[in-house]
Amino acid sequence: PQWSSTLGFGASVPYYWALSPTYDLTTTLHGYTKQGFLAEAEWRQRFNNGQYSIKAAGIYQLQPSLFGAGTVDAAQRLRGMIGTTGHFQINPRWAFGWDILVQSDKNFAATYGIAGFNDSVKRDQVYLVGINGRNNFDLRVMRFQVQESALVGANEVQPWVLPILDYSYTPEMAVAGGELNIDVNLQSVRRGALST
């Protein structure tokens, strides 16, 4: 059991569904004496070259006013999220993956401690990486979410990185009796203005 002044006493009942050797589902019902029931489900699937998961959670808060006036947590009763992660090895040199969270407000996953998505600063990303000997390639699109209870705060001015590219090349043969290394970094950052 857990205790919180805003959530009350909490207890969780997970149930694991072994649906096949390559995919499964875990459903969990969390009960909070002050806020009601939170339902959570996570689907996981494995392939020969990678895996992905999808997690969803939601609650209809019974007493949102317990979080305090002027907070995101108190602003609405119906709250939820969906998050997904994945990583696939395209071939021995290249890999593709993602880690993305979409939620009803900027603090739901942090307030309810949704594992894997409750960091105070959540980095969403989609990436393509390649490694060949001493050469590597890393291309990413990223977005940062600051999970905080303030209605207006740092989250409104967090940037999108569209994209960031890192490339390092080292030829196998010596150049002028030494080693040549070429490093390239290219990035574009988009940040919206804070509205008042």
N, C-alpha and C. Protein backbone atom coordinates (compact mmCIF):
# COMPACT_ATOMS: atom_id res chain seq x y z
N PRO A 1 0.82 -1.21 0.00
CA PRO A 1 0.00 0.00 0.00
C PRO A 1 0.86 1.27 0.00
N GLN A 2 0.34 2.31 -0.60
CA GLN A 2 1.03 3.59 -0.68
C GLN A 2 0.13 4.65 -0.06
N TRP A 3 0.73 5.78 0.35
CA TRP A 3 -0.05 6.88 0.91
C TRP A 3 0.40 8.19 0.30
N SER A 4 -0.56 9.04 -0.02
CA SER A 4 -0.29 10.39 -0.52
C SER A 4 -1.42 11.28 -0.05
N SER A 5 -1.10 12.52 0.30
CA SER A 5 -2.15 13.43 0.77
C SER A 5 -3.13 13.79 -0.34
N THR A 6 -2.71 13.70 -1.59
CA THR A 6 -3.61 14.02 -2.71
C THR A 6 -4.31 12.79 -3.29
N LEU A 7 -3.65 11.63 -3.20
CA LEU A 7 -4.23 10.41 -3.76
C LEU A 7 -4.91 9.55 -2.70
N GLY A 8 -4.46 9.66 -1.45
CA GLY A 8 -4.96 8.81 -0.38
C GLY A 8 -4.16 7.52 -0.32
N PHE A 9 -4.74 6.48 0.30
CA PHE A 9 -4.09 5.18 0.30
C PHE A 9 -4.26 4.56 -1.08
N GLY A 10 -3.20 3.90 -1.54
CA GLY A 10 -3.25 3.28 -2.86
C GLY A 10 -2.80 1.84 -2.83
N ALA A 11 -3.41 1.04 -3.65
CA ALA A 11 -3.02 -0.36 -3.82
C ALA A 11 -3.20 -0.72 -5.29
N SER A 12 -2.38 -1.66 -5.76
CA SER A 12 -2.42 -2.06 -7.17
C SER A 12 -2.59 -3.56 -7.30
N VAL A 13 -3.36 -3.96 -8.31
CA VAL A 13 -3.55 -5.38 -8.60
C VAL A 13 -3.21 -5.60 -10.08
N PRO A 14 -2.00 -6.15 -10.35
CA PRO A 14 -1.63 -6.44 -11.75
C PRO A 14 -2.09 -7.83 -12.17
N TYR A 15 -2.32 -8.00 -13.45
CA TYR A 15 -2.63 -9.33 -13.99
C TYR A 15 -1.86 -9.48 -15.30
N TYR A 16 -1.08 -10.52 -15.40
CA TYR A 16 -0.25 -10.79 -16.57
C TYR A 16 -0.96 -11.80 -17.48
N TRP A 17 -1.10 -11.45 -18.76
CA TRP A 17 -1.75 -12.32 -19.74
C TRP A 17 -0.67 -12.83 -20.70
N ALA A 18 -0.31 -14.10 -20.62
CA ALA A 18 0.66 -14.70 -21.53
C ALA A 18 -0.10 -15.17 -22.76
N LEU A 19 -0.19 -14.33 -23.76
CA LEU A 19 -1.02 -14.61 -24.93
C LEU A 19 -0.33 -15.46 -25.98
N SER A 20 0.99 -15.34 -26.08
CA SER A 20 1.75 -16.14 -27.04
C SER A 20 3.22 -16.05 -26.64
N PRO A 21 4.09 -16.84 -27.26
CA PRO A 21 5.52 -16.73 -26.94
C PRO A 21 6.13 -15.39 -27.36
N THR A 22 5.47 -14.66 -28.25
CA THR A 22 6.06 -13.41 -28.75
C THR A 22 5.34 -12.14 -28.30
N TYR A 23 4.17 -12.25 -27.69
CA TYR A 23 3.51 -11.05 -27.20
C TYR A 23 2.72 -11.35 -25.93
N ASP A 24 2.55 -10.29 -25.11
CA ASP A 24 1.83 -10.44 -23.85
C ASP A 24 1.20 -9.11 -23.47
N LEU A 25 0.38 -9.16 -22.44
CA LEU A 25 -0.35 -7.99 -21.96
C LEU A 25 -0.36 -8.01 -20.44
N THR A 26 -0.10 -6.86 -19.84
CA THR A 26 -0.24 -6.73 -18.39
C THR A 26 -1.28 -5.66 -18.12
N THR A 27 -2.32 -6.00 -17.38
CA THR A 27 -3.33 -5.02 -16.98
C THR A 27 -3.19 -4.81 -15.48
N THR A 28 -3.33 -3.57 -15.06
CA THR A 28 -3.20 -3.25 -13.64
C THR A 28 -4.31 -2.29 -13.25
N LEU A 29 -4.96 -2.58 -12.14
CA LEU A 29 -5.96 -1.68 -11.58
C LEU A 29 -5.38 -1.10 -10.30
N HIS A 30 -5.23 0.23 -10.28
CA HIS A 30 -4.73 0.94 -9.10
C HIS A 30 -5.94 1.59 -8.42
N GLY A 31 -6.08 1.40 -7.15
CA GLY A 31 -7.16 2.04 -6.40
C GLY A 31 -6.61 3.06 -5.44
N TYR A 32 -7.18 4.27 -5.44
CA TYR A 32 -6.77 5.35 -4.54
C TYR A 32 -8.00 5.82 -3.77
N THR A 33 -7.89 5.89 -2.45
CA THR A 33 -9.06 6.23 -1.63
C THR A 33 -9.59 7.63 -1.89
N LYS A 34 -8.74 8.55 -2.34
CA LYS A 34 -9.19 9.92 -2.58
C LYS A 34 -9.49 10.24 -4.05
N GLN A 35 -8.92 9.47 -4.99
CA GLN A 35 -9.09 9.80 -6.41
C GLN A 35 -9.80 8.73 -7.23
N GLY A 36 -10.00 7.55 -6.69
CA GLY A 36 -10.72 6.51 -7.43
C GLY A 36 -9.78 5.50 -8.06
N PHE A 37 -10.22 4.92 -9.18
CA PHE A 37 -9.49 3.83 -9.82
C PHE A 37 -8.77 4.31 -11.08
N LEU A 38 -7.52 3.90 -11.20
CA LEU A 38 -6.73 4.17 -12.39
C LEU A 38 -6.49 2.84 -13.08
N ALA A 39 -6.85 2.76 -14.36
CA ALA A 39 -6.64 1.54 -15.15
C ALA A 39 -5.40 1.72 -16.01
N GLU A 40 -4.60 0.67 -16.09
CA GLU A 40 -3.35 0.72 -16.86
C GLU A 40 -3.20 -0.59 -17.62
N ALA A 41 -2.74 -0.52 -18.86
CA ALA A 41 -2.49 -1.71 -19.66
C ALA A 41 -1.21 -1.52 -20.46
N GLU A 42 -0.42 -2.59 -20.55
CA GLU A 42 0.81 -2.55 -21.35
C GLU A 42 0.88 -3.77 -22.24
N TRP A 43 1.00 -3.52 -23.55
CA TRP A 43 1.14 -4.55 -24.56
C TRP A 43 2.61 -4.59 -24.99
N ARG A 44 3.20 -5.77 -25.00
CA ARG A 44 4.59 -5.95 -25.42
C ARG A 44 4.65 -7.02 -26.50
N GLN A 45 5.46 -6.75 -27.53
CA GLN A 45 5.61 -7.74 -28.60
C GLN A 45 7.07 -7.79 -29.05
N ARG A 46 7.56 -9.01 -29.24
CA ARG A 46 8.93 -9.24 -29.71
C ARG A 46 8.92 -9.83 -31.11
N PHE A 47 9.94 -9.45 -31.88
CA PHE A 47 10.16 -10.01 -33.20
C PHE A 47 11.60 -10.51 -33.25
N ASN A 48 11.98 -11.14 -34.34
CA ASN A 48 13.35 -11.61 -34.48
C ASN A 48 14.35 -10.45 -34.45
N ASN A 49 13.94 -9.28 -34.94
CA ASN A 49 14.87 -8.16 -35.04
C ASN A 49 14.57 -7.01 -34.08
N GLY A 50 13.67 -7.19 -33.12
CA GLY A 50 13.40 -6.10 -32.19
C GLY A 50 12.14 -6.31 -31.39
N GLN A 51 11.70 -5.22 -30.77
CA GLN A 51 10.52 -5.28 -29.92
C GLN A 51 9.90 -3.90 -29.79
N TYR A 52 8.63 -3.87 -29.37
CA TYR A 52 7.96 -2.61 -29.06
C TYR A 52 6.98 -2.84 -27.93
N SER A 53 6.57 -1.76 -27.30
CA SER A 53 5.54 -1.83 -26.27
C SER A 53 4.65 -0.60 -26.37
N ILE A 54 3.42 -0.77 -25.94
CA ILE A 54 2.45 0.33 -25.88
C ILE A 54 1.82 0.28 -24.50
N LYS A 55 1.84 1.42 -23.82
CA LYS A 55 1.25 1.50 -22.48
C LYS A 55 0.20 2.60 -22.49
N ALA A 56 -0.98 2.30 -21.91
CA ALA A 56 -2.05 3.28 -21.79
C ALA A 56 -2.55 3.27 -20.36
N ALA A 57 -2.95 4.44 -19.87
CA ALA A 57 -3.47 4.55 -18.50
C ALA A 57 -4.46 5.69 -18.46
N GLY A 58 -5.44 5.59 -17.56
CA GLY A 58 -6.43 6.65 -17.43
C GLY A 58 -7.16 6.59 -16.10
N ILE A 59 -7.68 7.75 -15.69
CA ILE A 59 -8.43 7.85 -14.44
C ILE A 59 -9.47 8.96 -14.57
N TYR A 60 -10.57 8.76 -13.86
CA TYR A 60 -11.55 9.83 -13.65
C TYR A 60 -11.38 10.22 -12.18
N GLN A 61 -10.73 11.37 -11.94
CA GLN A 61 -10.40 11.78 -10.57
C GLN A 61 -11.66 12.18 -9.80
N LEU A 62 -11.79 11.65 -8.61
CA LEU A 62 -12.95 11.95 -7.77
C LEU A 62 -12.84 13.31 -7.09
N GLN A 63 -11.62 13.68 -6.68
CA GLN A 63 -11.42 14.94 -5.94
C GLN A 63 -10.21 15.70 -6.48
N PRO A 64 -10.29 16.24 -7.69
CA PRO A 64 -9.14 16.96 -8.24
C PRO A 64 -8.74 18.19 -7.43
N SER A 65 -9.68 18.76 -6.68
CA SER A 65 -9.37 19.97 -5.89
C SER A 65 -8.33 19.70 -4.80
N LEU A 66 -8.09 18.45 -4.43
CA LEU A 66 -7.07 18.12 -3.43
C LEU A 66 -5.66 18.46 -3.90
N PHE A 67 -5.46 18.58 -5.22
CA PHE A 67 -4.15 18.91 -5.75
C PHE A 67 -3.81 20.39 -5.57
N GLY A 68 -4.77 21.23 -5.29
CA GLY A 68 -4.52 22.65 -5.09
C GLY A 68 -4.89 23.46 -6.31
N ALA A 69 -5.46 24.63 -6.03
CA ALA A 69 -5.88 25.52 -7.12
C ALA A 69 -4.68 25.97 -7.94
N GLY A 70 -4.90 26.16 -9.22
CA GLY A 70 -3.85 26.66 -10.10
C GLY A 70 -2.84 25.61 -10.52
N THR A 71 -3.16 24.32 -10.34
CA THR A 71 -2.25 23.27 -10.79
C THR A 71 -2.88 22.50 -11.95
N VAL A 72 -2.02 21.89 -12.74
CA VAL A 72 -2.48 21.06 -13.85
C VAL A 72 -3.29 19.89 -13.32
N ASP A 73 -2.85 19.32 -12.20
CA ASP A 73 -3.50 18.15 -11.63
C ASP A 73 -4.95 18.41 -11.21
N ALA A 74 -5.24 19.65 -10.84
CA ALA A 74 -6.59 20.00 -10.39
C ALA A 74 -7.47 20.52 -11.52
N ALA A 75 -6.91 20.70 -12.70
CA ALA A 75 -7.63 21.36 -13.79
C ALA A 75 -8.69 20.49 -14.46
N GLN A 76 -8.58 19.17 -14.37
CA GLN A 76 -9.57 18.31 -15.03
C GLN A 76 -9.72 16.98 -14.31
N ARG A 77 -10.88 16.40 -14.46
CA ARG A 77 -11.16 15.11 -13.80
C ARG A 77 -10.67 13.93 -14.62
N LEU A 78 -10.92 13.95 -15.92
CA LEU A 78 -10.56 12.84 -16.80
C LEU A 78 -9.14 13.05 -17.31
N ARG A 79 -8.24 12.14 -16.93
CA ARG A 79 -6.83 12.28 -17.31
C ARG A 79 -6.32 10.94 -17.82
N GLY A 80 -5.33 11.00 -18.71
CA GLY A 80 -4.78 9.76 -19.21
C GLY A 80 -3.54 9.96 -20.06
N MET A 81 -2.99 8.86 -20.54
CA MET A 81 -1.80 8.89 -21.38
C MET A 81 -1.72 7.63 -22.22
N ILE A 82 -0.93 7.75 -23.29
CA ILE A 82 -0.51 6.60 -24.07
C ILE A 82 0.96 6.83 -24.40
N GLY A 83 1.74 5.79 -24.20
CA GLY A 83 3.17 5.88 -24.47
C GLY A 83 3.64 4.64 -25.18
N THR A 84 4.66 4.79 -26.00
CA THR A 84 5.18 3.66 -26.75
C THR A 84 6.69 3.74 -26.87
N THR A 85 7.34 2.60 -26.82
CA THR A 85 8.77 2.50 -27.06
C THR A 85 9.01 1.35 -28.02
N GLY A 86 10.09 1.45 -28.76
CA GLY A 86 10.43 0.38 -29.68
C GLY A 86 11.87 0.46 -30.12
N HIS A 87 12.43 -0.66 -30.48
CA HIS A 87 13.80 -0.72 -31.02
C HIS A 87 13.88 -1.91 -31.96
N PHE A 88 14.33 -1.65 -33.20
CA PHE A 88 14.44 -2.69 -34.20
C PHE A 88 15.81 -2.63 -34.87
N GLN A 89 16.45 -3.78 -34.99
CA GLN A 89 17.73 -3.91 -35.67
C GLN A 89 17.42 -4.19 -37.13
N ILE A 90 17.58 -3.18 -37.99
CA ILE A 90 17.26 -3.34 -39.41
C ILE A 90 18.19 -4.36 -40.05
N ASN A 91 19.46 -4.25 -39.75
CA ASN A 91 20.49 -5.21 -40.17
C ASN A 91 21.62 -5.10 -39.16
N PRO A 92 22.73 -5.82 -39.31
CA PRO A 92 23.79 -5.74 -38.29
C PRO A 92 24.35 -4.33 -38.08
N ARG A 93 24.16 -3.42 -39.03
CA ARG A 93 24.74 -2.08 -38.92
C ARG A 93 23.74 -0.99 -38.55
N TRP A 94 22.48 -1.18 -38.85
CA TRP A 94 21.48 -0.12 -38.69
C TRP A 94 20.38 -0.51 -37.72
N ALA A 95 19.94 0.47 -36.91
CA ALA A 95 18.83 0.26 -35.96
C ALA A 95 17.91 1.47 -35.99
N PHE A 96 16.65 1.21 -35.71
CA PHE A 96 15.61 2.24 -35.71
C PHE A 96 14.81 2.09 -34.42
N GLY A 97 14.38 3.21 -33.82
CA GLY A 97 13.59 3.10 -32.61
C GLY A 97 12.88 4.38 -32.24
N TRP A 98 12.11 4.31 -31.15
CA TRP A 98 11.35 5.46 -30.69
C TRP A 98 11.02 5.32 -29.22
N ASP A 99 10.66 6.45 -28.61
CA ASP A 99 10.19 6.54 -27.23
C ASP A 99 9.30 7.78 -27.19
N ILE A 100 7.98 7.59 -27.13
CA ILE A 100 7.04 8.70 -27.29
C ILE A 100 5.95 8.63 -26.22
N LEU A 101 5.61 9.78 -25.67
CA LEU A 101 4.54 9.90 -24.68
C LEU A 101 3.58 10.99 -25.12
N VAL A 102 2.29 10.66 -25.12
CA VAL A 102 1.22 11.64 -25.35
C VAL A 102 0.29 11.53 -24.15
N GLN A 103 0.01 12.66 -23.50
CA GLN A 103 -0.85 12.61 -22.32
C GLN A 103 -1.84 13.78 -22.32
N SER A 104 -2.89 13.62 -21.52
CA SER A 104 -3.96 14.61 -21.48
C SER A 104 -3.49 15.95 -20.93
N ASP A 105 -2.49 15.94 -20.10
CA ASP A 105 -1.90 17.15 -19.54
C ASP A 105 -0.44 16.87 -19.26
N LYS A 106 0.32 17.89 -18.93
CA LYS A 106 1.76 17.72 -18.84
C LYS A 106 2.27 17.04 -17.57
N ASN A 107 1.38 16.58 -16.68
CA ASN A 107 1.86 16.01 -15.43
C ASN A 107 1.21 14.67 -15.06
N PHE A 108 0.36 14.13 -15.88
CA PHE A 108 -0.36 12.92 -15.50
C PHE A 108 0.57 11.75 -15.16
N ALA A 109 1.50 11.42 -16.06
CA ALA A 109 2.38 10.26 -15.85
C ALA A 109 3.25 10.43 -14.62
N ALA A 110 3.67 11.66 -14.33
CA ALA A 110 4.49 11.91 -13.13
C ALA A 110 3.65 11.82 -11.86
N THR A 111 2.46 12.41 -11.87
CA THR A 111 1.60 12.41 -10.69
C THR A 111 1.25 10.98 -10.26
N TYR A 112 0.93 10.13 -11.22
CA TYR A 112 0.51 8.78 -10.90
C TYR A 112 1.63 7.74 -11.02
N GLY A 113 2.86 8.20 -11.26
CA GLY A 113 4.02 7.31 -11.26
C GLY A 113 3.95 6.20 -12.29
N ILE A 114 3.57 6.52 -13.52
CA ILE A 114 3.48 5.52 -14.57
C ILE A 114 4.90 5.11 -14.99
N ALA A 115 5.30 3.90 -14.66
CA ALA A 115 6.66 3.42 -14.89
C ALA A 115 7.09 3.58 -16.34
N GLY A 116 8.30 4.10 -16.52
CA GLY A 116 8.85 4.30 -17.86
C GLY A 116 8.51 5.64 -18.47
N PHE A 117 7.54 6.34 -17.89
CA PHE A 117 7.09 7.62 -18.46
C PHE A 117 6.98 8.72 -17.41
N ASN A 118 7.48 8.51 -16.19
CA ASN A 118 7.26 9.47 -15.11
C ASN A 118 8.48 10.33 -14.78
N ASP A 119 9.47 10.39 -15.67
CA ASP A 119 10.62 11.27 -15.44
C ASP A 119 10.18 12.72 -15.39
N SER A 120 10.86 13.53 -14.59
CA SER A 120 10.48 14.94 -14.50
C SER A 120 10.71 15.66 -15.82
N VAL A 121 11.71 15.25 -16.59
CA VAL A 121 11.91 15.74 -17.95
C VAL A 121 11.89 14.52 -18.86
N LYS A 122 10.84 14.40 -19.64
CA LYS A 122 10.66 13.24 -20.54
C LYS A 122 11.13 13.63 -21.93
N ARG A 123 12.04 12.82 -22.48
CA ARG A 123 12.55 13.07 -23.83
C ARG A 123 11.87 12.12 -24.81
N ASP A 124 11.01 12.67 -25.67
CA ASP A 124 10.41 11.90 -26.75
C ASP A 124 11.40 11.90 -27.91
N GLN A 125 11.53 10.76 -28.58
CA GLN A 125 12.47 10.72 -29.69
C GLN A 125 12.13 9.60 -30.67
N VAL A 126 12.55 9.83 -31.92
CA VAL A 126 12.55 8.82 -32.97
C VAL A 126 13.96 8.85 -33.53
N TYR A 127 14.58 7.69 -33.72
CA TYR A 127 15.99 7.70 -34.11
C TYR A 127 16.32 6.62 -35.13
N LEU A 128 17.40 6.88 -35.86
CA LEU A 128 18.01 5.93 -36.78
C LEU A 128 19.51 5.99 -36.52
N VAL A 129 20.11 4.86 -36.16
CA VAL A 129 21.54 4.83 -35.87
C VAL A 129 22.21 3.75 -36.70
N GLY A 130 23.47 4.03 -37.06
CA GLY A 130 24.25 3.08 -37.83
C GLY A 130 25.69 3.04 -37.35
N ILE A 131 26.25 1.86 -37.27
CA ILE A 131 27.65 1.69 -36.85
C ILE A 131 28.30 0.73 -37.84
N ASN A 132 29.47 1.16 -38.36
CA ASN A 132 30.24 0.33 -39.28
C ASN A 132 31.70 0.48 -38.92
N GLY A 133 32.24 -0.47 -38.18
CA GLY A 133 33.63 -0.37 -37.75
C GLY A 133 33.82 0.82 -36.83
N ARG A 134 34.64 1.77 -37.26
CA ARG A 134 34.90 2.97 -36.47
C ARG A 134 34.04 4.15 -36.92
N ASN A 135 33.11 3.93 -37.82
CA ASN A 135 32.25 5.00 -38.33
C ASN A 135 30.86 4.86 -37.72
N ASN A 136 30.24 6.00 -37.39
CA ASN A 136 28.88 5.92 -36.86
C ASN A 136 28.03 7.08 -37.34
N PHE A 137 26.72 6.80 -37.37
CA PHE A 137 25.71 7.73 -37.86
C PHE A 137 24.58 7.73 -36.84
N ASP A 138 24.09 8.91 -36.45
CA ASP A 138 23.00 9.02 -35.48
C ASP A 138 22.09 10.17 -35.91
N LEU A 139 20.86 9.84 -36.28
CA LEU A 139 19.87 10.83 -36.71
C LEU A 139 18.68 10.71 -35.78
N ARG A 140 18.27 11.83 -35.16
CA ARG A 140 17.17 11.83 -34.19
C ARG A 140 16.28 13.05 -34.37
N VAL A 141 15.01 12.85 -34.03
CA VAL A 141 14.06 13.94 -33.84
C VAL A 141 13.65 13.84 -32.38
N MET A 142 13.74 14.96 -31.64
CA MET A 142 13.46 14.92 -30.21
C MET A 142 12.53 16.05 -29.79
N ARG A 143 11.81 15.78 -28.71
CA ARG A 143 10.97 16.78 -28.05
C ARG A 143 11.10 16.55 -26.55
N PHE A 144 11.15 17.63 -25.79
CA PHE A 144 11.29 17.52 -24.35
C PHE A 144 9.99 17.95 -23.67
N GLN A 145 9.55 17.16 -22.70
CA GLN A 145 8.36 17.49 -21.92
C GLN A 145 8.78 17.60 -20.45
N VAL A 146 8.56 18.78 -19.86
CA VAL A 146 8.81 18.95 -18.44
C VAL A 146 7.51 18.63 -17.73
N GLN A 147 7.52 17.59 -16.90
CA GLN A 147 6.32 17.20 -16.17
C GLN A 147 6.31 17.96 -14.85
N GLU A 148 5.39 18.90 -14.76
CA GLU A 148 5.28 19.75 -13.58
C GLU A 148 3.82 20.09 -13.34
N SER A 149 3.50 20.49 -12.12
CA SER A 149 2.11 20.77 -11.78
C SER A 149 1.68 22.19 -12.11
N ALA A 150 2.60 23.11 -12.34
CA ALA A 150 2.25 24.51 -12.65
C ALA A 150 1.48 24.57 -13.97
N LEU A 151 0.42 25.39 -14.00
CA LEU A 151 -0.36 25.53 -15.24
C LEU A 151 0.49 26.11 -16.37
N VAL A 152 1.28 27.13 -16.08
CA VAL A 152 2.19 27.73 -17.05
C VAL A 152 3.58 27.62 -16.46
N GLY A 153 4.48 27.04 -17.23
CA GLY A 153 5.82 26.85 -16.70
C GLY A 153 6.80 26.51 -17.80
N ALA A 154 7.84 25.79 -17.43
CA ALA A 154 8.95 25.49 -18.34
C ALA A 154 8.52 24.67 -19.56
N ASN A 155 7.47 23.88 -19.44
CA ASN A 155 7.08 23.01 -20.55
C ASN A 155 6.68 23.78 -21.80
N GLU A 156 6.14 24.98 -21.63
CA GLU A 156 5.64 25.74 -22.78
C GLU A 156 6.75 26.22 -23.70
N VAL A 157 7.99 26.30 -23.22
CA VAL A 157 9.08 26.81 -24.06
C VAL A 157 10.14 25.76 -24.35
N GLN A 158 9.82 24.49 -24.13
CA GLN A 158 10.78 23.43 -24.43
C GLN A 158 10.87 23.25 -25.95
N PRO A 159 12.09 22.99 -26.45
CA PRO A 159 12.28 22.93 -27.90
C PRO A 159 11.94 21.57 -28.50
N TRP A 160 11.69 21.60 -29.79
CA TRP A 160 11.69 20.42 -30.64
C TRP A 160 13.04 20.43 -31.33
N VAL A 161 13.71 19.32 -31.40
CA VAL A 161 14.96 19.22 -32.15
C VAL A 161 14.62 18.46 -33.43
N LEU A 162 14.61 19.18 -34.55
CA LEU A 162 14.10 18.66 -35.83
C LEU A 162 15.11 18.84 -36.95
N PRO A 163 15.98 18.04 -37.23
CA PRO A 163 16.48 16.88 -36.49
C PRO A 163 17.85 17.22 -35.89
N ILE A 164 18.49 16.21 -35.32
CA ILE A 164 19.89 16.30 -34.92
C ILE A 164 20.61 15.15 -35.61
N LEU A 165 21.73 15.48 -36.25
CA LEU A 165 22.51 14.49 -36.99
C LEU A 165 23.94 14.52 -36.48
N ASP A 166 24.46 13.38 -36.08
CA ASP A 166 25.87 13.22 -35.72
C ASP A 166 26.44 12.14 -36.62
N TYR A 167 27.57 12.47 -37.24
CA TYR A 167 28.22 11.51 -38.13
C TYR A 167 29.72 11.57 -37.89
N SER A 168 30.33 10.42 -37.73
CA SER A 168 31.77 10.34 -37.52
C SER A 168 32.34 9.34 -38.52
N TYR A 169 33.38 9.79 -39.26
CA TYR A 169 33.99 8.94 -40.29
C TYR A 169 35.50 8.89 -40.06
N THR A 170 36.05 7.68 -40.00
CA THR A 170 37.49 7.47 -39.88
C THR A 170 37.90 6.46 -40.95
N PRO A 171 38.67 6.91 -41.95
CA PRO A 171 39.10 5.98 -43.00
C PRO A 171 39.98 4.87 -42.43
N GLU A 172 39.92 3.70 -43.07
CA GLU A 172 40.72 2.55 -42.64
C GLU A 172 42.22 2.80 -42.84
N MET A 173 42.57 3.45 -43.96
CA MET A 173 43.99 3.63 -44.26
C MET A 173 44.52 4.94 -43.65
N ALA A 174 45.81 4.95 -43.41
CA ALA A 174 46.48 6.13 -42.85
C ALA A 174 46.47 7.26 -43.88
N VAL A 175 46.39 8.48 -43.39
CA VAL A 175 46.42 9.66 -44.23
C VAL A 175 47.62 10.50 -43.80
N ALA A 176 48.56 10.68 -44.74
CA ALA A 176 49.78 11.46 -44.47
C ALA A 176 50.50 10.95 -43.22
N GLY A 177 50.53 9.64 -43.06
CA GLY A 177 51.23 9.05 -41.93
C GLY A 177 50.48 9.11 -40.61
N GLY A 178 49.26 9.54 -40.64
CA GLY A 178 48.47 9.63 -39.40
C GLY A 178 47.05 9.16 -39.62
N GLU A 179 46.19 9.54 -38.71
CA GLU A 179 44.78 9.13 -38.77
C GLU A 179 43.91 10.34 -39.04
N LEU A 180 42.98 10.19 -39.94
CA LEU A 180 42.05 11.26 -40.27
C LEU A 180 40.69 10.90 -39.68
N ASN A 181 40.06 11.87 -39.05
CA ASN A 181 38.72 11.66 -38.50
C ASN A 181 37.87 12.87 -38.87
N ILE A 182 36.69 12.60 -39.40
CA ILE A 182 35.77 13.68 -39.77
C ILE A 182 34.52 13.53 -38.91
N ASP A 183 34.20 14.57 -38.15
CA ASP A 183 32.99 14.59 -37.33
C ASP A 183 32.06 15.68 -37.83
N VAL A 184 30.80 15.32 -38.02
CA VAL A 184 29.80 16.28 -38.49
C VAL A 184 28.65 16.29 -37.49
N ASN A 185 28.23 17.49 -37.12
CA ASN A 185 27.05 17.65 -36.26
C ASN A 185 26.17 18.70 -36.90
N LEU A 186 24.92 18.36 -37.08
CA LEU A 186 23.95 19.28 -37.68
C LEU A 186 22.69 19.20 -36.86
N GLN A 187 22.15 20.34 -36.46
CA GLN A 187 20.91 20.31 -35.70
C GLN A 187 20.07 21.55 -35.96
N SER A 188 18.79 21.34 -35.85
CA SER A 188 17.82 22.42 -36.00
C SER A 188 16.90 22.38 -34.79
N VAL A 189 16.73 23.53 -34.13
CA VAL A 189 15.92 23.61 -32.93
C VAL A 189 14.76 24.56 -33.18
N ARG A 190 13.56 24.12 -32.86
CA ARG A 190 12.37 24.95 -32.99
C ARG A 190 11.77 25.13 -31.62
N ARG A 191 11.58 26.39 -31.24
CA ARG A 191 11.00 26.68 -29.92
C ARG A 191 9.91 27.74 -30.10
N GLY A 192 8.72 27.46 -29.62
CA GLY A 192 7.63 28.41 -29.70
C GLY A 192 7.75 29.48 -28.62
N ALA A 193 7.13 30.61 -28.84
CA ALA A 193 7.14 31.68 -27.87
C ALA A 193 6.18 31.37 -26.73
N LEU A 194 6.52 31.78 -25.53
CA LEU A 194 5.67 31.57 -24.36
C LEU A 194 4.51 32.57 -24.42
N SER A 195 3.29 32.05 -24.41
CA SER A 195 2.13 32.94 -24.44
C SER A 195 1.79 33.38 -23.03
N THR A 196 1.34 34.60 -22.90
CA THR A 196 0.99 35.13 -21.57
C THR A 196 -0.48 35.45 -21.49
